[in-house]
Amino acid sequence: MPAAPRTPGGSGLVEAWRSRGPAACLLLPLGLAFAGLAALRRRLYRWGLLRSERLPVPVVVVGNIIAGGAGKTPLTLYLAQRLRELGRRPGIVSRGYGGDGAVVEVRRDSAPDEVGDEPVLMKRRFAGPVFVGRRRAAAARALLAAYPDCDLILCDDGLQHYALARDVEIAVMDRRGLMNGWPLPAGPLREPPGRLREVQLLVAHGLAAPPDCGVPLCAMTLAGSRFVRLGDPAQHCDSAALTGSRLHAVAGLGEPQRFFDHLAALGLSCAPHAFPDHHRYVAADLDFSGDAILTTEKDAVKFPASLPLPVWILPVEAKLEPDPAPWVLDLLETAHGRPPA
């Protein structure tokens, strides 16, 4: 895929993507060039001039067509856990933003700077294997070699990584929709909207009016109301215990406002602090005056060890209606049959 800019939360670039204003228009020639290169690359894979590697187990890819987080990681975790409950033995592979691209197995204590923040979060929440690598096929092969009982690969954020052949594609769209509908960097699109007609499932994450793509649709929300103390996970509290405190909310996500709105829905008043997606925190970023800092699991894995204020993490779980896991399992078993027990 042609190199695409990262999505810094709250940046001027993201603001420009909300409309087809002067800033976006200035970038449109670059966007058209990016779209042309992306389309050519995909055709080369379709024509067999570039090779997609087929693994010995089925592959489910979770991704999106816009830059920035739309909820792919919570959805990947949801599918991994539900498919385990349904008798499969999935493993997860990811690019691992922030690392050097080498194939690495993620441990619960892995450094986010080396393997990425989202893979560390997934490993802490998921009992199965998690591997990262710039080349997802190589990461998946390493996972299967280390865990030969794995019978399914879930690829987090790999919709445009055509070097890895896949059996099921799931696209996620959040409440931002397609924004101005232009390709990177003039807009957020990695691929044209018509790409959504080719996936097997569209997941609408807080999107009130998802596009009619002619594919099955699920609605996703993120639920969570109990906080966990950073450094002491045995300590829990609910939002009522924090009401009236001088709170700072910190989020480095594709859309930090989603986290701030979640806190407001819990009845909490916070000073919001939006950081770029995948931001590497230093103590100066979090030198606030107040009573506590509230943050996400993804951000917390990158916080410095010692901070002047207590930090409370809000874990969230994906909720989907209807549950897509049995349907995904049926697709895989229709194509590949049931795996050996």
C-alpha atoms as a PDB file:
ATOM      1  CA  MET A   1       0.000   0.000   0.000  1.00  0.00           C
ATOM      2  CA  PRO A   2       1.338   3.509  -0.696  1.00  0.00           C
ATOM      3  CA  ALA A   3       2.536   5.152   2.490  1.00  0.00           C
ATOM      4  CA  ALA A   4      -0.392   6.822   4.245  1.00  0.00           C
ATOM      5  CA  PRO A   5      -0.186   9.473   6.935  1.00  0.00           C
ATOM      6  CA  ARG A   6      -1.061   8.463  10.471  1.00  0.00           C
ATOM      7  CA  THR A   7      -4.192   9.924  11.981  1.00  0.00           C
ATOM      8  CA  PRO A   8      -3.289  12.354  14.746  1.00  0.00           C
ATOM      9  CA  GLY A   9      -6.309  12.840  16.960  1.00  0.00           C
ATOM     10  CA  GLY A  10      -7.536  16.433  17.016  1.00  0.00           C
ATOM     11  CA  SER A  11      -4.990  17.590  14.400  1.00  0.00           C
ATOM     12  CA  GLY A  12      -5.598  20.186  11.730  1.00  0.00           C
ATOM     13  CA  LEU A  13      -5.416  17.450   9.096  1.00  0.00           C
ATOM     14  CA  VAL A  14      -8.293  15.529  10.660  1.00  0.00           C
ATOM     15  CA  GLU A  15     -10.301  18.751  10.905  1.00  0.00           C
ATOM     16  CA  ALA A  16      -9.659  19.358   7.200  1.00  0.00           C
ATOM     17  CA  TRP A  17     -11.113  15.928   6.440  1.00  0.00           C
ATOM     18  CA  ARG A  18     -14.504  16.955   7.819  1.00  0.00           C
ATOM     19  CA  SER A  19     -15.263  19.068   4.729  1.00  0.00           C
ATOM     20  CA  ARG A  20     -14.085  19.738   1.202  1.00  0.00           C
ATOM     21  CA  GLY A  21     -12.633  23.073   2.225  1.00  0.00           C
ATOM     22  CA  PRO A  22      -9.505  24.921   1.049  1.00  0.00           C
ATOM     23  CA  ALA A  23      -7.024  22.729   2.950  1.00  0.00           C
ATOM     24  CA  ALA A  24      -8.517  19.508   1.578  1.00  0.00           C
ATOM     25  CA  CYS A  25      -8.662  20.955  -1.944  1.00  0.00           C
ATOM     26  CA  LEU A  26      -4.958  21.826  -1.821  1.00  0.00           C
ATOM     27  CA  LEU A  27      -4.195  18.185  -0.967  1.00  0.00           C
ATOM     28  CA  LEU A  28      -6.549  16.687  -3.538  1.00  0.00           C
ATOM     29  CA  PRO A  29      -3.890  16.197  -6.272  1.00  0.00           C
ATOM     30  CA  LEU A  30      -1.866  14.122  -3.799  1.00  0.00           C
ATOM     31  CA  GLY A  31      -5.042  12.272  -2.860  1.00  0.00           C
ATOM     32  CA  LEU A  32      -5.783  11.397  -6.487  1.00  0.00           C
ATOM     33  CA  ALA A  33      -2.232  10.127  -6.919  1.00  0.00           C
ATOM     34  CA  PHE A  34      -2.538   8.010  -3.775  1.00  0.00           C
ATOM     35  CA  ALA A  35      -5.880   6.597  -4.940  1.00  0.00           C
ATOM     36  CA  GLY A  36      -4.417   5.734  -8.333  1.00  0.00           C
ATOM     37  CA  LEU A  37      -1.429   3.938  -6.843  1.00  0.00           C
ATOM     38  CA  ALA A  38      -3.639   2.051  -4.383  1.00  0.00           C
ATOM     39  CA  ALA A  39      -5.978   0.948  -7.176  1.00  0.00           C
ATOM     40  CA  LEU A  40      -3.054  -0.177  -9.342  1.00  0.00           C
ATOM     41  CA  ARG A  41      -1.544  -2.158  -6.500  1.00  0.00           C
ATOM     42  CA  ARG A  42      -4.808  -3.955  -5.841  1.00  0.00           C
ATOM     43  CA  ARG A  43      -5.178  -4.846  -9.526  1.00  0.00           C
ATOM     44  CA  LEU A  44      -1.676  -6.295  -9.515  1.00  0.00           C
ATOM     45  CA  TYR A  45      -2.760  -8.657  -6.739  1.00  0.00           C
ATOM     46  CA  ARG A  46      -5.952  -9.553  -8.614  1.00  0.00           C
ATOM     47  CA  TRP A  47      -3.994 -10.267 -11.795  1.00  0.00           C
ATOM     48  CA  GLY A  48      -1.512 -12.421  -9.888  1.00  0.00           C
ATOM     49  CA  LEU A  49       1.448 -10.155 -10.631  1.00  0.00           C
ATOM     50  CA  LEU A  50       1.794  -9.621  -6.889  1.00  0.00           C
ATOM     51  CA  ARG A  51       1.404 -12.705  -4.720  1.00  0.00           C
ATOM     52  CA  SER A  52      -1.012 -13.233  -1.840  1.00  0.00           C
ATOM     53  CA  GLU A  53       0.084 -15.931   0.565  1.00  0.00           C
ATOM     54  CA  ARG A  54      -2.506 -18.513   1.569  1.00  0.00           C
ATOM     55  CA  LEU A  55      -2.090 -19.945   5.079  1.00  0.00           C
ATOM     56  CA  PRO A  56      -3.007 -23.507   6.090  1.00  0.00           C
ATOM     57  CA  VAL A  57      -5.757 -22.170   8.384  1.00  0.00           C
ATOM     58  CA  PRO A  58      -8.600 -19.723   7.668  1.00  0.00           C
ATOM     59  CA  VAL A  59      -7.925 -15.981   7.988  1.00  0.00           C
ATOM     60  CA  VAL A  60     -10.401 -13.326   9.133  1.00  0.00           C
ATOM     61  CA  VAL A  61      -9.350  -9.720   8.519  1.00  0.00           C
ATOM     62  CA  VAL A  62     -10.793  -6.837  10.541  1.00  0.00           C
ATOM     63  CA  GLY A  63     -10.136  -3.408   9.052  1.00  0.00           C
ATOM     64  CA  ASN A  64     -11.603  -0.218   7.680  1.00  0.00           C
ATOM     65  CA  ILE A  65     -11.311   2.015   4.643  1.00  0.00           C
ATOM     66  CA  ILE A  66     -10.554   5.241   6.521  1.00  0.00           C
ATOM     67  CA  ALA A  67      -7.384   6.167   8.367  1.00  0.00           C
ATOM     68  CA  GLY A  68      -7.528   6.172  12.147  1.00  0.00           C
ATOM     69  CA  GLY A  69      -9.087   3.985  14.768  1.00  0.00           C
ATOM     70  CA  ALA A  70     -12.721   3.053  14.246  1.00  0.00           C
ATOM     71  CA  GLY A  71     -12.956   0.258  16.819  1.00  0.00           C
ATOM     72  CA  LYS A  72     -11.021  -2.520  15.062  1.00  0.00           C
ATOM     73  CA  THR A  73      -9.137  -3.694  18.148  1.00  0.00           C
ATOM     74  CA  PRO A  74     -12.215  -4.087  20.405  1.00  0.00           C
ATOM     75  CA  LEU A  75     -13.952  -5.917  17.573  1.00  0.00           C
ATOM     76  CA  THR A  76     -10.953  -8.226  17.038  1.00  0.00           C
ATOM     77  CA  LEU A  77     -10.913  -9.015  20.765  1.00  0.00           C
ATOM     78  CA  TYR A  78     -14.658  -9.667  20.735  1.00  0.00           C
ATOM     79  CA  LEU A  79     -14.342 -12.108  17.838  1.00  0.00           C
ATOM     80  CA  ALA A  80     -11.305 -13.840  19.356  1.00  0.00           C
ATOM     81  CA  GLN A  81     -13.099 -14.424  22.642  1.00  0.00           C
ATOM     82  CA  ARG A  82     -16.416 -15.466  21.098  1.00  0.00           C
ATOM     83  CA  LEU A  83     -14.793 -17.846  18.619  1.00  0.00           C
ATOM     84  CA  ARG A  84     -12.912 -19.474  21.503  1.00  0.00           C
ATOM     85  CA  GLU A  85     -16.229 -19.929  23.265  1.00  0.00           C
ATOM     86  CA  LEU A  86     -17.569 -21.574  20.109  1.00  0.00           C
ATOM     87  CA  GLY A  87     -14.756 -24.123  20.086  1.00  0.00           C
ATOM     88  CA  ARG A  88     -12.140 -22.559  17.806  1.00  0.00           C
ATOM     89  CA  ARG A  89      -8.519 -21.829  18.755  1.00  0.00           C
ATOM     90  CA  PRO A  90      -7.750 -18.416  17.224  1.00  0.00           C
ATOM     91  CA  GLY A  91      -4.523 -16.461  17.204  1.00  0.00           C
ATOM     92  CA  ILE A  92      -4.149 -12.750  16.462  1.00  0.00           C
ATOM     93  CA  VAL A  93      -1.664 -11.019  14.179  1.00  0.00           C
ATOM     94  CA  SER A  94      -1.170  -7.274  13.821  1.00  0.00           C
ATOM     95  CA  ARG A  95       1.191  -4.780  12.212  1.00  0.00           C
ATOM     96  CA  GLY A  96       2.248  -3.441  15.622  1.00  0.00           C
ATOM     97  CA  TYR A  97       2.471   0.310  15.055  1.00  0.00           C
ATOM     98  CA  GLY A  98       5.598   1.806  16.601  1.00  0.00           C
ATOM     99  CA  GLY A  99       7.870  -1.217  16.331  1.00  0.00           C
ATOM    100  CA  ASP A 100      10.575  -1.964  13.778  1.00  0.00           C
ATOM    101  CA  GLY A 101       8.409  -4.356  11.774  1.00  0.00           C
ATOM    102  CA  ALA A 102      10.174  -7.538  12.912  1.00  0.00           C
ATOM    103  CA  VAL A 103       8.089 -10.618  13.701  1.00  0.00           C
ATOM    104  CA  VAL A 104       7.688 -10.805  17.485  1.00  0.00           C
ATOM    105  CA  GLU A 105       5.447 -12.692  19.873  1.00  0.00           C
ATOM    106  CA  VAL A 106       3.660 -10.249  22.152  1.00  0.00           C
ATOM    107  CA  ARG A 107       3.835 -10.869  25.889  1.00  0.00           C
ATOM    108  CA  ARG A 108       1.783  -9.243  28.608  1.00  0.00           C
ATOM    109  CA  ASP A 109       4.875  -7.275  29.660  1.00  0.00           C
ATOM    110  CA  SER A 110       6.087  -6.436  26.130  1.00  0.00           C
ATOM    111  CA  ALA A 111       7.158  -2.823  25.603  1.00  0.00           C
ATOM    112  CA  PRO A 112       4.580  -0.886  23.539  1.00  0.00           C
ATOM    113  CA  ASP A 113       7.444   0.965  21.826  1.00  0.00           C
ATOM    114  CA  GLU A 114       8.667  -2.378  20.481  1.00  0.00           C
ATOM    115  CA  VAL A 115       5.440  -4.177  19.551  1.00  0.00           C
ATOM    116  CA  GLY A 116       2.755  -1.468  19.525  1.00  0.00           C
ATOM    117  CA  ASP A 117       0.177  -0.352  22.061  1.00  0.00           C
ATOM    118  CA  GLU A 118      -2.831  -2.237  20.662  1.00  0.00           C
ATOM    119  CA  PRO A 119      -1.066  -5.640  20.528  1.00  0.00           C
ATOM    120  CA  VAL A 120      -0.043  -5.264  24.193  1.00  0.00           C
ATOM    121  CA  LEU A 121      -3.641  -4.428  25.074  1.00  0.00           C
ATOM    122  CA  MET A 122      -4.905  -7.444  23.125  1.00  0.00           C
ATOM    123  CA  LYS A 123      -2.438  -9.786  24.801  1.00  0.00           C
ATOM    124  CA  ARG A 124      -3.487  -8.580  28.251  1.00  0.00           C
ATOM    125  CA  ARG A 125      -7.122  -9.219  27.403  1.00  0.00           C
ATOM    126  CA  PHE A 126      -6.847 -12.392  25.294  1.00  0.00           C
ATOM    127  CA  ALA A 127      -5.578 -15.772  26.482  1.00  0.00           C
ATOM    128  CA  GLY A 128      -4.412 -16.906  23.033  1.00  0.00           C
ATOM    129  CA  PRO A 129      -1.254 -16.057  21.072  1.00  0.00           C
ATOM    130  CA  VAL A 130      -0.628 -12.582  19.623  1.00  0.00           C
ATOM    131  CA  PHE A 131       2.153 -11.940  17.086  1.00  0.00           C
ATOM    132  CA  VAL A 132       3.164  -8.740  15.300  1.00  0.00           C
ATOM    133  CA  GLY A 133       5.137  -8.023  12.161  1.00  0.00           C
ATOM    134  CA  ARG A 134       5.147  -5.638   9.235  1.00  0.00           C
ATOM    135  CA  ARG A 135       4.570  -8.686   7.012  1.00  0.00           C
ATOM    136  CA  ARG A 136       1.430 -10.214   8.491  1.00  0.00           C
ATOM    137  CA  ALA A 137       1.867 -13.488   6.621  1.00  0.00           C
ATOM    138  CA  ALA A 138       5.286 -13.966   8.207  1.00  0.00           C
ATOM    139  CA  ALA A 139       3.829 -13.119  11.622  1.00  0.00           C
ATOM    140  CA  ALA A 140       1.045 -15.650  11.080  1.00  0.00           C
ATOM    141  CA  ARG A 141       3.493 -18.358   9.990  1.00  0.00           C
ATOM    142  CA  ALA A 142       5.562 -17.758  13.128  1.00  0.00           C
ATOM    143  CA  LEU A 143       2.423 -17.959  15.260  1.00  0.00           C
ATOM    144  CA  LEU A 144       1.364 -21.249  13.677  1.00  0.00           C
ATOM    145  CA  ALA A 145       4.847 -22.700  14.101  1.00  0.00           C
ATOM    146  CA  ALA A 146       4.874 -21.794  17.797  1.00  0.00           C
ATOM    147  CA  TYR A 147       1.233 -22.766  18.403  1.00  0.00           C
ATOM    148  CA  PRO A 148       0.363 -25.583  15.970  1.00  0.00           C
ATOM    149  CA  ASP A 149      -3.010 -26.134  17.621  1.00  0.00           C
ATOM    150  CA  CYS A 150      -4.170 -22.706  16.414  1.00  0.00           C
ATOM    151  CA  ASP A 151      -6.877 -23.253  13.774  1.00  0.00           C
ATOM    152  CA  LEU A 152      -7.806 -19.666  12.850  1.00  0.00           C
ATOM    153  CA  ILE A 153      -5.968 -16.364  12.334  1.00  0.00           C
ATOM    154  CA  LEU A 154      -7.564 -13.009  13.134  1.00  0.00           C
ATOM    155  CA  CYS A 155      -5.752 -10.111  11.497  1.00  0.00           C
ATOM    156  CA  ASP A 156      -6.213  -6.772  13.262  1.00  0.00           C
ATOM    157  CA  ASP A 157      -6.156  -3.869  10.768  1.00  0.00           C
ATOM    158  CA  GLY A 158      -5.202  -5.663   7.584  1.00  0.00           C
ATOM    159  CA  LEU A 159      -7.917  -4.859   5.058  1.00  0.00           C
ATOM    160  CA  GLN A 160      -5.416  -3.270   2.653  1.00  0.00           C
ATOM    161  CA  HIS A 161      -2.639  -5.830   3.353  1.00  0.00           C
ATOM    162  CA  TYR A 162      -3.296  -7.964   0.282  1.00  0.00           C
ATOM    163  CA  ALA A 163      -0.098  -9.955   0.668  1.00  0.00           C
ATOM    164  CA  LEU A 164      -2.070 -12.067   3.155  1.00  0.00           C
ATOM    165  CA  ALA A 165      -4.940 -14.002   1.555  1.00  0.00           C
ATOM    166  CA  ARG A 166      -8.124 -13.961   3.599  1.00  0.00           C
ATOM    167  CA  ASP A 167     -11.357 -15.922   3.847  1.00  0.00           C
ATOM    168  CA  VAL A 168     -13.556 -13.320   5.554  1.00  0.00           C
ATOM    169  CA  GLU A 169     -13.247  -9.530   5.497  1.00  0.00           C
ATOM    170  CA  ILE A 170     -14.955  -7.387   8.124  1.00  0.00           C
ATOM    171  CA  ALA A 171     -15.000  -3.601   7.762  1.00  0.00           C
ATOM    172  CA  VAL A 172     -15.674  -1.256  10.678  1.00  0.00           C
ATOM    173  CA  MET A 173     -17.128   2.242  10.321  1.00  0.00           C
ATOM    174  CA  ASP A 174     -17.532   4.585  13.270  1.00  0.00           C
ATOM    175  CA  ARG A 175     -19.701   7.665  13.682  1.00  0.00           C
ATOM    176  CA  ARG A 176     -17.361   9.758  11.523  1.00  0.00           C
ATOM    177  CA  GLY A 177     -18.577   7.879   8.462  1.00  0.00           C
ATOM    178  CA  LEU A 178     -16.562   8.699   5.345  1.00  0.00           C
ATOM    179  CA  MET A 179     -16.086  12.352   6.373  1.00  0.00           C
ATOM    180  CA  ASN A 180     -15.385  14.335   3.171  1.00  0.00           C
ATOM    181  CA  GLY A 181     -15.133  11.139   1.110  1.00  0.00           C
ATOM    182  CA  TRP A 182     -11.771  11.987  -0.465  1.00  0.00           C
ATOM    183  CA  PRO A 183      -8.626   9.812  -0.564  1.00  0.00           C
ATOM    184  CA  LEU A 184      -5.590  10.357   1.645  1.00  0.00           C
ATOM    185  CA  PRO A 185      -4.227  12.899   2.384  1.00  0.00           C
ATOM    186  CA  ALA A 186      -7.050  15.162   1.116  1.00  0.00           C
ATOM    187  CA  GLY A 187      -9.505  13.015   3.056  1.00  0.00           C
ATOM    188  CA  PRO A 188      -9.451   9.911   5.234  1.00  0.00           C
ATOM    189  CA  LEU A 189     -10.046   7.211   2.612  1.00  0.00           C
ATOM    190  CA  ARG A 190      -7.517   4.416   2.177  1.00  0.00           C
ATOM    191  CA  GLU A 191      -9.750   2.887  -0.498  1.00  0.00           C
ATOM    192  CA  PRO A 192     -12.902   4.075  -2.315  1.00  0.00           C
ATOM    193  CA  PRO A 193     -16.355   3.617  -0.730  1.00  0.00           C
ATOM    194  CA  GLY A 194     -17.173   0.898  -3.252  1.00  0.00           C
ATOM    195  CA  ARG A 195     -14.668  -1.340  -1.466  1.00  0.00           C
ATOM    196  CA  LEU A 196     -17.294  -1.848   1.254  1.00  0.00           C
ATOM    197  CA  ARG A 197     -19.438  -3.829  -1.183  1.00  0.00           C
ATOM    198  CA  GLU A 198     -16.750  -6.508  -1.331  1.00  0.00           C
ATOM    199  CA  VAL A 199     -16.467  -7.320   2.371  1.00  0.00           C
ATOM    200  CA  GLN A 200     -18.490 -10.075   4.042  1.00  0.00           C
ATOM    201  CA  LEU A 201     -19.645  -7.954   6.997  1.00  0.00           C
ATOM    202  CA  LEU A 202     -19.967  -4.257   7.810  1.00  0.00           C
ATOM    203  CA  VAL A 203     -19.873  -3.269  11.487  1.00  0.00           C
ATOM    204  CA  ALA A 204     -21.366   0.137  12.314  1.00  0.00           C
ATOM    205  CA  HIS A 205     -19.715   1.471  15.461  1.00  0.00           C
ATOM    206  CA  GLY A 206     -22.021   4.223  16.672  1.00  0.00           C
ATOM    207  CA  LEU A 207     -22.900   5.126  13.085  1.00  0.00           C
ATOM    208  CA  ALA A 208     -26.567   6.028  12.926  1.00  0.00           C
ATOM    209  CA  ALA A 209     -26.962   5.740   9.139  1.00  0.00           C
ATOM    210  CA  PRO A 210     -24.444   3.265   7.697  1.00  0.00           C
ATOM    211  CA  PRO A 211     -24.202   3.096   3.907  1.00  0.00           C
ATOM    212  CA  ASP A 212     -26.254   0.481   2.105  1.00  0.00           C
ATOM    213  CA  CYS A 213     -23.486  -1.739   0.725  1.00  0.00           C
ATOM    214  CA  GLY A 214     -25.552  -4.858   0.131  1.00  0.00           C
ATOM    215  CA  VAL A 215     -23.636  -6.850   2.780  1.00  0.00           C
ATOM    216  CA  PRO A 216     -24.719  -8.057   6.240  1.00  0.00           C
ATOM    217  CA  LEU A 217     -24.644  -5.358   8.918  1.00  0.00           C
ATOM    218  CA  CYS A 218     -24.022  -5.420  12.684  1.00  0.00           C
ATOM    219  CA  ALA A 219     -24.262  -2.551  15.153  1.00  0.00           C
ATOM    220  CA  MET A 220     -21.430  -2.161  17.667  1.00  0.00           C
ATOM    221  CA  THR A 221     -21.172  -0.168  20.873  1.00  0.00           C
ATOM    222  CA  LEU A 222     -18.460  -0.009  23.525  1.00  0.00           C
ATOM    223  CA  ALA A 223     -19.679  -0.571  27.072  1.00  0.00           C
ATOM    224  CA  GLY A 224     -17.802   0.129  30.291  1.00  0.00           C
ATOM    225  CA  SER A 225     -18.527   1.946  33.531  1.00  0.00           C
ATOM    226  CA  ARG A 226     -16.060   0.621  36.117  1.00  0.00           C
ATOM    227  CA  PHE A 227     -12.559   2.008  36.452  1.00  0.00           C
ATOM    228  CA  VAL A 228      -9.352   0.166  37.382  1.00  0.00           C
ATOM    229  CA  ARG A 229      -6.444   1.843  39.156  1.00  0.00           C
ATOM    230  CA  LEU A 230      -3.240   1.941  37.106  1.00  0.00           C
ATOM    231  CA  GLY A 231      -0.537  -0.016  38.937  1.00  0.00           C
ATOM    232  CA  ASP A 232      -3.030  -1.717  41.266  1.00  0.00           C
ATOM    233  CA  PRO A 233      -5.677  -3.590  39.243  1.00  0.00           C
ATOM    234  CA  ALA A 234      -7.248  -4.888  42.458  1.00  0.00           C
ATOM    235  CA  GLN A 235      -8.617  -1.372  43.027  1.00  0.00           C
ATOM    236  CA  HIS A 236     -11.899  -0.651  41.262  1.00  0.00           C
ATOM    237  CA  CYS A 237     -14.417   2.167  41.411  1.00  0.00           C
ATOM    238  CA  ASP A 238     -17.493   3.283  39.549  1.00  0.00           C
ATOM    239  CA  SER A 239     -18.236   6.702  38.122  1.00  0.00           C
ATOM    240  CA  ALA A 240     -20.147   7.763  41.240  1.00  0.00           C
ATOM    241  CA  ALA A 241     -16.931   7.540  43.271  1.00  0.00           C
ATOM    242  CA  LEU A 242     -15.290  10.049  40.934  1.00  0.00           C
ATOM    243  CA  THR A 243     -18.159  12.513  40.641  1.00  0.00           C
ATOM    244  CA  GLY A 244     -17.204  15.957  41.870  1.00  0.00           C
ATOM    245  CA  SER A 245     -13.465  15.338  41.549  1.00  0.00           C
ATOM    246  CA  ARG A 246     -11.184  17.507  39.450  1.00  0.00           C
ATOM    247  CA  LEU A 247     -10.630  15.094  36.585  1.00  0.00           C
ATOM    248  CA  HIS A 248      -8.468  15.074  33.497  1.00  0.00           C
ATOM    249  CA  ALA A 249      -9.419  12.803  30.589  1.00  0.00           C
ATOM    250  CA  VAL A 250      -6.526  11.674  28.371  1.00  0.00           C
ATOM    251  CA  ALA A 251      -6.961   9.891  25.042  1.00  0.00           C
ATOM    252  CA  GLY A 252      -4.656   9.264  22.100  1.00  0.00           C
ATOM    253  CA  LEU A 253      -7.054   7.573  19.686  1.00  0.00           C
ATOM    254  CA  GLY A 254      -8.260   7.967  16.143  1.00  0.00           C
ATOM    255  CA  GLU A 255     -11.207   9.855  17.611  1.00  0.00           C
ATOM    256  CA  PRO A 256     -10.484  10.965  21.203  1.00  0.00           C
ATOM    257  CA  GLN A 257     -13.853  12.685  21.443  1.00  0.00           C
ATOM    258  CA  ARG A 258     -15.539   9.284  21.563  1.00  0.00           C
ATOM    259  CA  PHE A 259     -13.806   8.585  24.889  1.00  0.00           C
ATOM    260  CA  PHE A 260     -14.671  12.031  26.258  1.00  0.00           C
ATOM    261  CA  ASP A 261     -18.318  11.550  25.275  1.00  0.00           C
ATOM    262  CA  HIS A 262     -18.338   8.152  26.999  1.00  0.00           C
ATOM    263  CA  LEU A 263     -17.159   9.783  30.240  1.00  0.00           C
ATOM    264  CA  ALA A 264     -19.781  12.510  29.926  1.00  0.00           C
ATOM    265  CA  ALA A 265     -22.460   9.842  29.482  1.00  0.00           C
ATOM    266  CA  LEU A 266     -21.292   8.379  32.814  1.00  0.00           C
ATOM    267  CA  GLY A 267     -21.977  11.749  34.431  1.00  0.00           C
ATOM    268  CA  LEU A 268     -18.338  12.818  34.756  1.00  0.00           C
ATOM    269  CA  SER A 269     -17.055  16.314  34.096  1.00  0.00           C
ATOM    270  CA  CYS A 270     -13.446  16.249  32.854  1.00  0.00           C
ATOM    271  CA  ALA A 271     -10.863  18.506  31.298  1.00  0.00           C
ATOM    272  CA  PRO A 272     -10.209  16.753  27.950  1.00  0.00           C
ATOM    273  CA  HIS A 273      -6.681  16.241  26.623  1.00  0.00           C
ATOM    274  CA  ALA A 274      -6.521  14.796  23.095  1.00  0.00           C
ATOM    275  CA  PHE A 275      -3.226  13.391  21.858  1.00  0.00           C
ATOM    276  CA  PRO A 276      -2.231  11.918  18.478  1.00  0.00           C
ATOM    277  CA  ASP A 277      -3.121   8.305  17.838  1.00  0.00           C
ATOM    278  CA  HIS A 278      -0.412   5.979  19.248  1.00  0.00           C
ATOM    279  CA  HIS A 279       1.180   8.897  21.142  1.00  0.00           C
ATOM    280  CA  ARG A 280       4.201   7.989  23.271  1.00  0.00           C
ATOM    281  CA  TYR A 281       3.610   9.681  26.599  1.00  0.00           C
ATOM    282  CA  VAL A 282       6.210  11.377  28.747  1.00  0.00           C
ATOM    283  CA  ALA A 283       5.676  12.687  32.277  1.00  0.00           C
ATOM    284  CA  ALA A 284       5.369  16.286  31.046  1.00  0.00           C
ATOM    285  CA  ASP A 285       2.309  15.334  28.968  1.00  0.00           C
ATOM    286  CA  LEU A 286       0.477  14.343  32.154  1.00  0.00           C
ATOM    287  CA  ASP A 287       1.647  17.015  34.596  1.00  0.00           C
ATOM    288  CA  PHE A 288      -1.817  18.192  35.625  1.00  0.00           C
ATOM    289  CA  SER A 289      -3.229  19.839  38.716  1.00  0.00           C
ATOM    290  CA  GLY A 290      -6.295  18.066  40.034  1.00  0.00           C
ATOM    291  CA  ASP A 291      -7.492  14.865  41.652  1.00  0.00           C
ATOM    292  CA  ALA A 292      -7.145  12.121  39.030  1.00  0.00           C
ATOM    293  CA  ILE A 293      -6.508  11.217  35.404  1.00  0.00           C
ATOM    294  CA  LEU A 294      -8.953   9.053  33.466  1.00  0.00           C
ATOM    295  CA  THR A 295      -7.733   7.235  30.379  1.00  0.00           C
ATOM    296  CA  THR A 296      -8.209   4.273  28.063  1.00  0.00           C
ATOM    297  CA  GLU A 297      -6.550   0.862  28.250  1.00  0.00           C
ATOM    298  CA  LYS A 298      -4.690   1.586  25.033  1.00  0.00           C
ATOM    299  CA  ASP A 299      -3.223   4.812  26.431  1.00  0.00           C
ATOM    300  CA  ALA A 300      -2.472   3.415  29.870  1.00  0.00           C
ATOM    301  CA  VAL A 301       0.006   0.828  28.567  1.00  0.00           C
ATOM    302  CA  LYS A 302       2.245   3.759  27.500  1.00  0.00           C
ATOM    303  CA  PHE A 303       1.984   5.918  30.634  1.00  0.00           C
ATOM    304  CA  PRO A 304       5.162   6.587  32.649  1.00  0.00           C
ATOM    305  CA  ALA A 305       5.508   4.495  35.792  1.00  0.00           C
ATOM    306  CA  SER A 306       5.347   7.433  38.209  1.00  0.00           C
ATOM    307  CA  LEU A 307       2.847  10.283  37.958  1.00  0.00           C
ATOM    308  CA  PRO A 308       1.723  12.897  40.486  1.00  0.00           C
ATOM    309  CA  LEU A 309      -1.982  12.079  40.101  1.00  0.00           C
ATOM    310  CA  PRO A 310      -3.718   8.707  40.431  1.00  0.00           C
ATOM    311  CA  VAL A 311      -4.715   7.207  37.086  1.00  0.00           C
ATOM    312  CA  TRP A 312      -7.978   5.360  36.558  1.00  0.00           C
ATOM    313  CA  ILE A 313      -8.401   3.220  33.445  1.00  0.00           C
ATOM    314  CA  LEU A 314     -11.785   2.593  31.834  1.00  0.00           C
ATOM    315  CA  PRO A 315     -11.874  -0.904  30.273  1.00  0.00           C
ATOM    316  CA  VAL A 316     -14.533  -1.285  27.582  1.00  0.00           C
ATOM    317  CA  GLU A 317     -16.096  -4.289  25.911  1.00  0.00           C
ATOM    318  CA  ALA A 318     -17.544  -4.430  22.406  1.00  0.00           C
ATOM    319  CA  LYS A 319     -21.248  -5.263  22.242  1.00  0.00           C
ATOM    320  CA  LEU A 320     -22.619  -6.371  18.875  1.00  0.00           C
ATOM    321  CA  GLU A 321     -26.159  -6.846  17.662  1.00  0.00           C
ATOM    322  CA  PRO A 322     -26.654  -9.323  16.165  1.00  0.00           C
ATOM    323  CA  ASP A 323     -23.708 -11.439  17.308  1.00  0.00           C
ATOM    324  CA  PRO A 324     -21.616 -12.048  14.164  1.00  0.00           C
ATOM    325  CA  ALA A 325     -19.429 -14.823  15.600  1.00  0.00           C
ATOM    326  CA  PRO A 326     -21.718 -17.793  14.760  1.00  0.00           C
ATOM    327  CA  TRP A 327     -22.231 -16.425  11.260  1.00  0.00           C
ATOM    328  CA  VAL A 328     -18.467 -15.992  10.735  1.00  0.00           C
ATOM    329  CA  LEU A 329     -17.951 -19.544  11.993  1.00  0.00           C
ATOM    330  CA  ASP A 330     -20.552 -20.857   9.534  1.00  0.00           C
ATOM    331  CA  LEU A 331     -18.778 -19.079   6.667  1.00  0.00           C
ATOM    332  CA  LEU A 332     -15.446 -20.612   7.626  1.00  0.00           C
ATOM    333  CA  GLU A 333     -16.819 -24.112   8.114  1.00  0.00           C
ATOM    334  CA  THR A 334     -18.705 -23.951   4.818  1.00  0.00           C
ATOM    335  CA  ALA A 335     -15.484 -23.032   3.022  1.00  0.00           C
ATOM    336  CA  HIS A 336     -13.036 -25.205   4.975  1.00  0.00           C
ATOM    337  CA  GLY A 337     -15.021 -27.745   6.957  1.00  0.00           C
ATOM    338  CA  ARG A 338     -14.718 -28.244  10.680  1.00  0.00           C
ATOM    339  CA  PRO A 339     -11.161 -28.338  12.056  1.00  0.00           C
ATOM    340  CA  PRO A 340      -9.965 -31.568  13.684  1.00  0.00           C
ATOM    341  CA  ALA A 341     -10.748 -31.759  17.385  1.00  0.00           C
END
